[in-house]
N, C-alpha and C. Protein backbone atom coordinates (compact mmCIF):
# COMPACT_ATOMS: atom_id res chain seq x y z
N MET A 1 44.61 108.80 105.88
CA MET A 1 44.13 107.60 105.25
C MET A 1 43.93 106.50 106.29
N ASP A 2 42.83 105.80 106.20
CA ASP A 2 42.55 104.68 107.06
C ASP A 2 43.36 103.46 106.66
N THR A 3 43.49 102.56 107.59
CA THR A 3 44.09 101.28 107.29
C THR A 3 42.97 100.24 107.19
N THR A 4 42.97 99.49 106.13
CA THR A 4 41.93 98.52 105.88
C THR A 4 42.42 97.13 106.25
N ILE A 5 41.56 96.40 106.97
CA ILE A 5 41.80 94.98 107.27
C ILE A 5 40.63 94.22 106.69
N LYS A 6 40.93 93.32 105.75
CA LYS A 6 39.85 92.53 105.17
C LYS A 6 40.26 91.07 105.06
N LEU A 7 39.28 90.22 105.14
CA LEU A 7 39.48 88.79 105.02
C LEU A 7 39.41 88.41 103.55
N LEU A 8 40.50 87.82 103.04
CA LEU A 8 40.52 87.45 101.63
C LEU A 8 39.87 86.07 101.43
N ASP A 9 39.21 85.90 100.31
CA ASP A 9 38.71 84.55 100.00
C ASP A 9 39.92 83.73 99.51
N GLU A 10 39.70 82.44 99.36
CA GLU A 10 40.82 81.54 99.01
C GLU A 10 41.48 81.89 97.69
N VAL A 11 40.69 82.30 96.72
CA VAL A 11 41.25 82.65 95.41
C VAL A 11 42.13 83.90 95.49
N ASP A 12 41.63 84.95 96.15
CA ASP A 12 42.43 86.17 96.30
C ASP A 12 43.71 85.88 97.09
N ALA A 13 43.58 85.12 98.15
CA ALA A 13 44.74 84.79 98.98
C ALA A 13 45.80 84.05 98.16
N MET A 14 45.35 83.11 97.34
CA MET A 14 46.27 82.33 96.52
C MET A 14 46.95 83.23 95.47
N GLN A 15 46.22 84.17 94.90
CA GLN A 15 46.80 85.11 93.92
C GLN A 15 47.85 86.00 94.57
N LYS A 16 47.61 86.42 95.81
CA LYS A 16 48.54 87.34 96.47
C LYS A 16 49.74 86.62 97.06
N LEU A 17 49.53 85.41 97.63
CA LEU A 17 50.57 84.76 98.40
C LEU A 17 50.98 83.38 97.91
N GLY A 18 50.30 82.87 96.91
CA GLY A 18 50.64 81.54 96.43
C GLY A 18 50.33 80.48 97.47
N MET A 19 51.13 79.43 97.50
CA MET A 19 50.87 78.29 98.38
C MET A 19 51.00 78.60 99.86
N ARG A 20 51.61 79.73 100.21
CA ARG A 20 51.69 80.11 101.64
C ARG A 20 50.32 80.28 102.24
N SER A 21 49.34 80.61 101.41
CA SER A 21 47.98 80.85 101.92
C SER A 21 47.14 79.56 102.02
N HIS A 22 47.64 78.46 101.45
CA HIS A 22 46.85 77.22 101.42
C HIS A 22 46.51 76.76 102.83
N GLY A 23 45.23 76.54 103.06
CA GLY A 23 44.76 76.04 104.37
C GLY A 23 44.75 77.10 105.46
N ARG A 24 44.78 78.36 105.06
CA ARG A 24 44.82 79.43 106.05
C ARG A 24 43.77 80.51 105.75
N TYR A 25 43.29 81.14 106.83
CA TYR A 25 42.53 82.37 106.69
C TYR A 25 43.53 83.50 106.55
N VAL A 26 43.34 84.36 105.57
CA VAL A 26 44.30 85.42 105.31
C VAL A 26 43.61 86.77 105.44
N TYR A 27 44.19 87.61 106.30
CA TYR A 27 43.72 88.97 106.51
C TYR A 27 44.70 89.90 105.83
N ALA A 28 44.21 90.71 104.87
CA ALA A 28 45.06 91.68 104.19
C ALA A 28 44.98 93.00 104.95
N VAL A 29 46.13 93.60 105.21
CA VAL A 29 46.21 94.87 105.92
C VAL A 29 46.92 95.86 105.00
N GLN A 30 46.26 97.00 104.71
CA GLN A 30 46.86 98.01 103.86
C GLN A 30 46.49 99.38 104.38
N GLY A 31 47.49 100.28 104.36
CA GLY A 31 47.24 101.66 104.80
C GLY A 31 48.33 102.15 105.72
N ASP A 32 48.11 103.34 106.26
CA ASP A 32 49.12 104.02 107.07
C ASP A 32 49.57 103.25 108.31
N LYS A 33 48.68 102.49 108.89
CA LYS A 33 48.99 101.80 110.17
C LYS A 33 49.38 100.31 109.97
N THR A 34 49.75 99.95 108.76
CA THR A 34 50.16 98.59 108.51
C THR A 34 51.34 98.18 109.38
N GLN A 35 52.29 99.09 109.54
CA GLN A 35 53.45 98.81 110.37
C GLN A 35 53.06 98.52 111.82
N GLU A 36 52.00 99.17 112.29
CA GLU A 36 51.51 98.94 113.65
C GLU A 36 51.02 97.49 113.79
N VAL A 37 50.36 96.98 112.78
CA VAL A 37 49.89 95.59 112.79
C VAL A 37 51.10 94.64 112.77
N ILE A 38 52.08 94.93 111.94
CA ILE A 38 53.28 94.11 111.88
C ILE A 38 53.97 94.09 113.23
N ASP A 39 54.10 95.26 113.86
CA ASP A 39 54.73 95.33 115.18
C ASP A 39 53.97 94.53 116.21
N TRP A 40 52.64 94.59 116.15
CA TRP A 40 51.82 93.83 117.10
C TRP A 40 52.02 92.34 116.92
N VAL A 41 51.99 91.87 115.67
CA VAL A 41 52.16 90.44 115.39
C VAL A 41 53.52 89.95 115.88
N THR A 42 54.56 90.71 115.60
CA THR A 42 55.90 90.26 115.98
C THR A 42 56.13 90.36 117.50
N ALA A 43 55.42 91.21 118.18
CA ALA A 43 55.60 91.39 119.65
C ALA A 43 54.81 90.37 120.46
N GLU A 44 53.72 89.90 119.89
CA GLU A 44 52.85 88.99 120.64
C GLU A 44 53.45 87.57 120.66
N PRO A 45 53.36 86.89 121.82
CA PRO A 45 53.84 85.50 121.89
C PRO A 45 52.81 84.52 121.34
N LEU A 46 52.22 84.86 120.21
CA LEU A 46 51.18 84.01 119.59
C LEU A 46 51.74 83.42 118.32
N ARG A 47 51.26 82.22 117.98
CA ARG A 47 51.72 81.57 116.77
C ARG A 47 50.88 82.06 115.58
N ILE A 48 51.33 83.14 114.99
CA ILE A 48 50.66 83.76 113.86
C ILE A 48 51.64 83.85 112.71
N CYS A 49 51.22 83.51 111.51
CA CYS A 49 52.05 83.65 110.33
C CYS A 49 51.76 85.01 109.69
N MET A 50 52.79 85.60 109.10
CA MET A 50 52.58 86.90 108.46
C MET A 50 53.58 87.07 107.34
N CYS A 51 53.15 87.80 106.34
CA CYS A 51 54.01 88.14 105.18
C CYS A 51 53.82 89.63 104.92
N ALA A 52 54.94 90.37 104.87
CA ALA A 52 54.87 91.80 104.52
C ALA A 52 55.37 91.99 103.12
N VAL A 53 54.75 92.91 102.39
CA VAL A 53 55.14 93.20 101.01
C VAL A 53 55.68 94.64 100.95
N TRP A 54 56.92 94.72 100.48
CA TRP A 54 57.61 96.01 100.38
C TRP A 54 57.96 96.24 98.91
N ASP A 55 58.04 97.53 98.52
CA ASP A 55 58.53 97.89 97.19
C ASP A 55 59.42 99.11 97.35
N VAL A 56 60.69 98.96 97.11
CA VAL A 56 61.69 100.01 97.21
C VAL A 56 61.55 100.77 98.54
N GLY A 57 61.52 99.96 99.60
CA GLY A 57 61.49 100.56 100.95
C GLY A 57 60.15 101.06 101.40
N VAL A 58 59.10 100.89 100.60
CA VAL A 58 57.76 101.31 100.97
C VAL A 58 56.92 100.08 101.31
N LEU A 59 56.35 100.09 102.50
CA LEU A 59 55.49 98.99 102.93
C LEU A 59 54.15 99.08 102.21
N LEU A 60 53.84 98.07 101.41
CA LEU A 60 52.58 98.07 100.64
C LEU A 60 51.46 97.38 101.37
N ALA A 61 51.74 96.25 102.01
CA ALA A 61 50.68 95.49 102.68
C ALA A 61 51.30 94.44 103.61
N ALA A 62 50.46 93.95 104.49
CA ALA A 62 50.84 92.81 105.33
C ALA A 62 49.68 91.81 105.22
N TYR A 63 50.03 90.54 105.26
CA TYR A 63 49.05 89.49 105.21
C TYR A 63 49.20 88.65 106.46
N VAL A 64 48.20 88.66 107.31
CA VAL A 64 48.21 87.94 108.59
C VAL A 64 47.43 86.65 108.37
N MET A 65 48.04 85.52 108.73
CA MET A 65 47.45 84.21 108.37
C MET A 65 47.23 83.34 109.60
N PHE A 66 46.10 82.66 109.61
CA PHE A 66 45.74 81.74 110.69
C PHE A 66 45.33 80.40 110.02
N ASP A 67 45.83 79.31 110.56
CA ASP A 67 45.47 77.99 110.02
C ASP A 67 43.98 77.74 110.15
N ARG A 68 43.44 77.08 109.15
CA ARG A 68 42.02 76.72 109.15
C ARG A 68 41.75 75.48 109.96
N GLU A 69 42.72 74.58 110.00
CA GLU A 69 42.54 73.31 110.72
C GLU A 69 43.76 73.05 111.60
N ALA A 70 43.54 72.30 112.67
CA ALA A 70 44.63 71.92 113.58
C ALA A 70 44.57 70.42 113.81
N GLN A 71 45.74 69.85 114.05
CA GLN A 71 45.77 68.39 114.30
C GLN A 71 45.41 68.05 115.72
N THR A 72 45.61 68.98 116.64
CA THR A 72 45.31 68.68 118.05
C THR A 72 44.36 69.74 118.61
N GLU A 73 43.72 69.36 119.68
CA GLU A 73 42.81 70.29 120.38
C GLU A 73 43.57 71.50 120.90
N ARG A 74 44.76 71.26 121.42
CA ARG A 74 45.61 72.33 121.94
C ARG A 74 45.96 73.34 120.86
N ARG A 75 46.37 72.84 119.71
CA ARG A 75 46.73 73.74 118.62
C ARG A 75 45.52 74.52 118.12
N MET A 76 44.37 73.87 118.05
CA MET A 76 43.15 74.57 117.65
C MET A 76 42.87 75.72 118.61
N LYS A 77 43.01 75.49 119.91
CA LYS A 77 42.78 76.54 120.89
C LYS A 77 43.82 77.66 120.74
N GLU A 78 45.06 77.33 120.44
CA GLU A 78 46.10 78.35 120.22
C GLU A 78 45.75 79.25 119.01
N ILE A 79 45.34 78.61 117.94
CA ILE A 79 44.99 79.36 116.73
C ILE A 79 43.81 80.31 117.00
N ASN A 80 42.76 79.75 117.64
CA ASN A 80 41.58 80.56 117.90
C ASN A 80 41.84 81.66 118.90
N HIS A 81 42.73 81.42 119.86
CA HIS A 81 43.10 82.46 120.81
C HIS A 81 43.83 83.58 120.08
N ALA A 82 44.78 83.23 119.22
CA ALA A 82 45.52 84.23 118.44
C ALA A 82 44.57 85.05 117.58
N LEU A 83 43.61 84.36 116.95
CA LEU A 83 42.63 85.05 116.11
C LEU A 83 41.77 86.00 116.95
N GLU A 84 41.34 85.56 118.13
CA GLU A 84 40.55 86.43 119.01
C GLU A 84 41.35 87.65 119.45
N MET A 85 42.63 87.46 119.76
CA MET A 85 43.46 88.59 120.17
C MET A 85 43.63 89.59 119.02
N PHE A 86 43.81 89.08 117.81
CA PHE A 86 43.93 89.93 116.63
C PHE A 86 42.66 90.76 116.43
N VAL A 87 41.51 90.11 116.53
CA VAL A 87 40.23 90.79 116.35
C VAL A 87 40.03 91.81 117.46
N MET A 88 40.28 91.44 118.69
CA MET A 88 40.09 92.36 119.82
C MET A 88 40.96 93.59 119.72
N THR A 89 42.15 93.42 119.19
CA THR A 89 43.10 94.51 119.12
C THR A 89 42.73 95.50 118.00
N PHE A 90 42.32 95.01 116.86
CA PHE A 90 42.15 95.89 115.70
C PHE A 90 40.70 96.16 115.28
N HIS A 91 39.74 95.33 115.66
CA HIS A 91 38.36 95.59 115.31
C HIS A 91 37.87 96.77 116.14
N GLY A 92 37.46 97.82 115.46
CA GLY A 92 36.96 99.00 116.13
C GLY A 92 38.05 99.98 116.61
N ALA A 93 39.32 99.63 116.38
CA ALA A 93 40.40 100.55 116.76
C ALA A 93 40.38 101.77 115.85
N ASP A 94 40.83 102.88 116.40
CA ASP A 94 40.87 104.13 115.64
C ASP A 94 41.68 103.96 114.35
N GLU A 95 41.15 104.49 113.29
CA GLU A 95 41.77 104.52 111.97
C GLU A 95 41.96 103.13 111.33
N PHE A 96 41.21 102.16 111.81
CA PHE A 96 41.22 100.85 111.16
C PHE A 96 39.84 100.56 110.58
N ASN A 97 39.78 100.32 109.29
CA ASN A 97 38.54 100.02 108.59
C ASN A 97 38.46 98.50 108.50
N TRP A 98 37.69 97.90 109.39
CA TRP A 98 37.59 96.44 109.50
C TRP A 98 36.55 95.93 108.54
N GLN A 99 36.98 95.23 107.47
CA GLN A 99 36.07 94.73 106.45
C GLN A 99 36.02 93.22 106.51
N VAL A 100 35.54 92.69 107.61
CA VAL A 100 35.47 91.25 107.83
C VAL A 100 34.04 90.92 108.17
N PRO A 101 33.51 89.78 107.66
CA PRO A 101 32.13 89.41 108.00
C PRO A 101 31.92 89.34 109.49
N LYS A 102 30.67 89.52 109.91
CA LYS A 102 30.34 89.55 111.34
C LYS A 102 30.82 88.29 112.05
N ASN A 103 30.64 87.13 111.43
CA ASN A 103 31.07 85.89 112.04
C ASN A 103 32.50 85.56 111.60
N VAL A 104 33.46 85.96 112.42
CA VAL A 104 34.87 85.71 112.11
C VAL A 104 35.12 84.21 112.09
N PRO A 105 35.77 83.71 111.07
CA PRO A 105 36.01 82.26 110.98
C PRO A 105 36.95 81.78 112.09
N ARG A 106 36.81 80.51 112.44
CA ARG A 106 37.64 79.92 113.49
C ARG A 106 38.24 78.62 112.98
N ALA A 107 39.33 78.25 113.60
CA ALA A 107 39.98 76.99 113.23
C ALA A 107 39.14 75.82 113.76
N THR A 108 39.22 74.73 113.04
CA THR A 108 38.54 73.51 113.48
C THR A 108 39.57 72.41 113.66
N ARG A 109 39.18 71.37 114.33
CA ARG A 109 40.07 70.23 114.54
C ARG A 109 39.96 69.29 113.36
N ARG A 110 41.11 68.93 112.80
CA ARG A 110 41.14 68.00 111.69
C ARG A 110 40.71 66.62 112.17
N PRO A 111 39.79 65.97 111.46
CA PRO A 111 39.31 64.65 111.90
C PRO A 111 40.38 63.59 111.83
């Protein structure tokens, strides 16, 4: 079975994660290699938010989240760097079905 990574719209993200998803891009990860994504996120020195969903010891999904806006230029660069690293690692990787629009969203600076 492949592992699917898809970008959720705001409504789907809110239904799955509630207010934790507010103001964030949310990537849903489901499938055999979900633990690999969790391990990557926790090992990287990047500021990435993540939520894993388990049911009776079975990993169902992981939700990787990136802020949509940043208060500073530095934070915006950190978010976009983390997002680029995530995309470079898993887009096109073996057994990952990447279902994200061609133009991956990026964080912007809050006015």
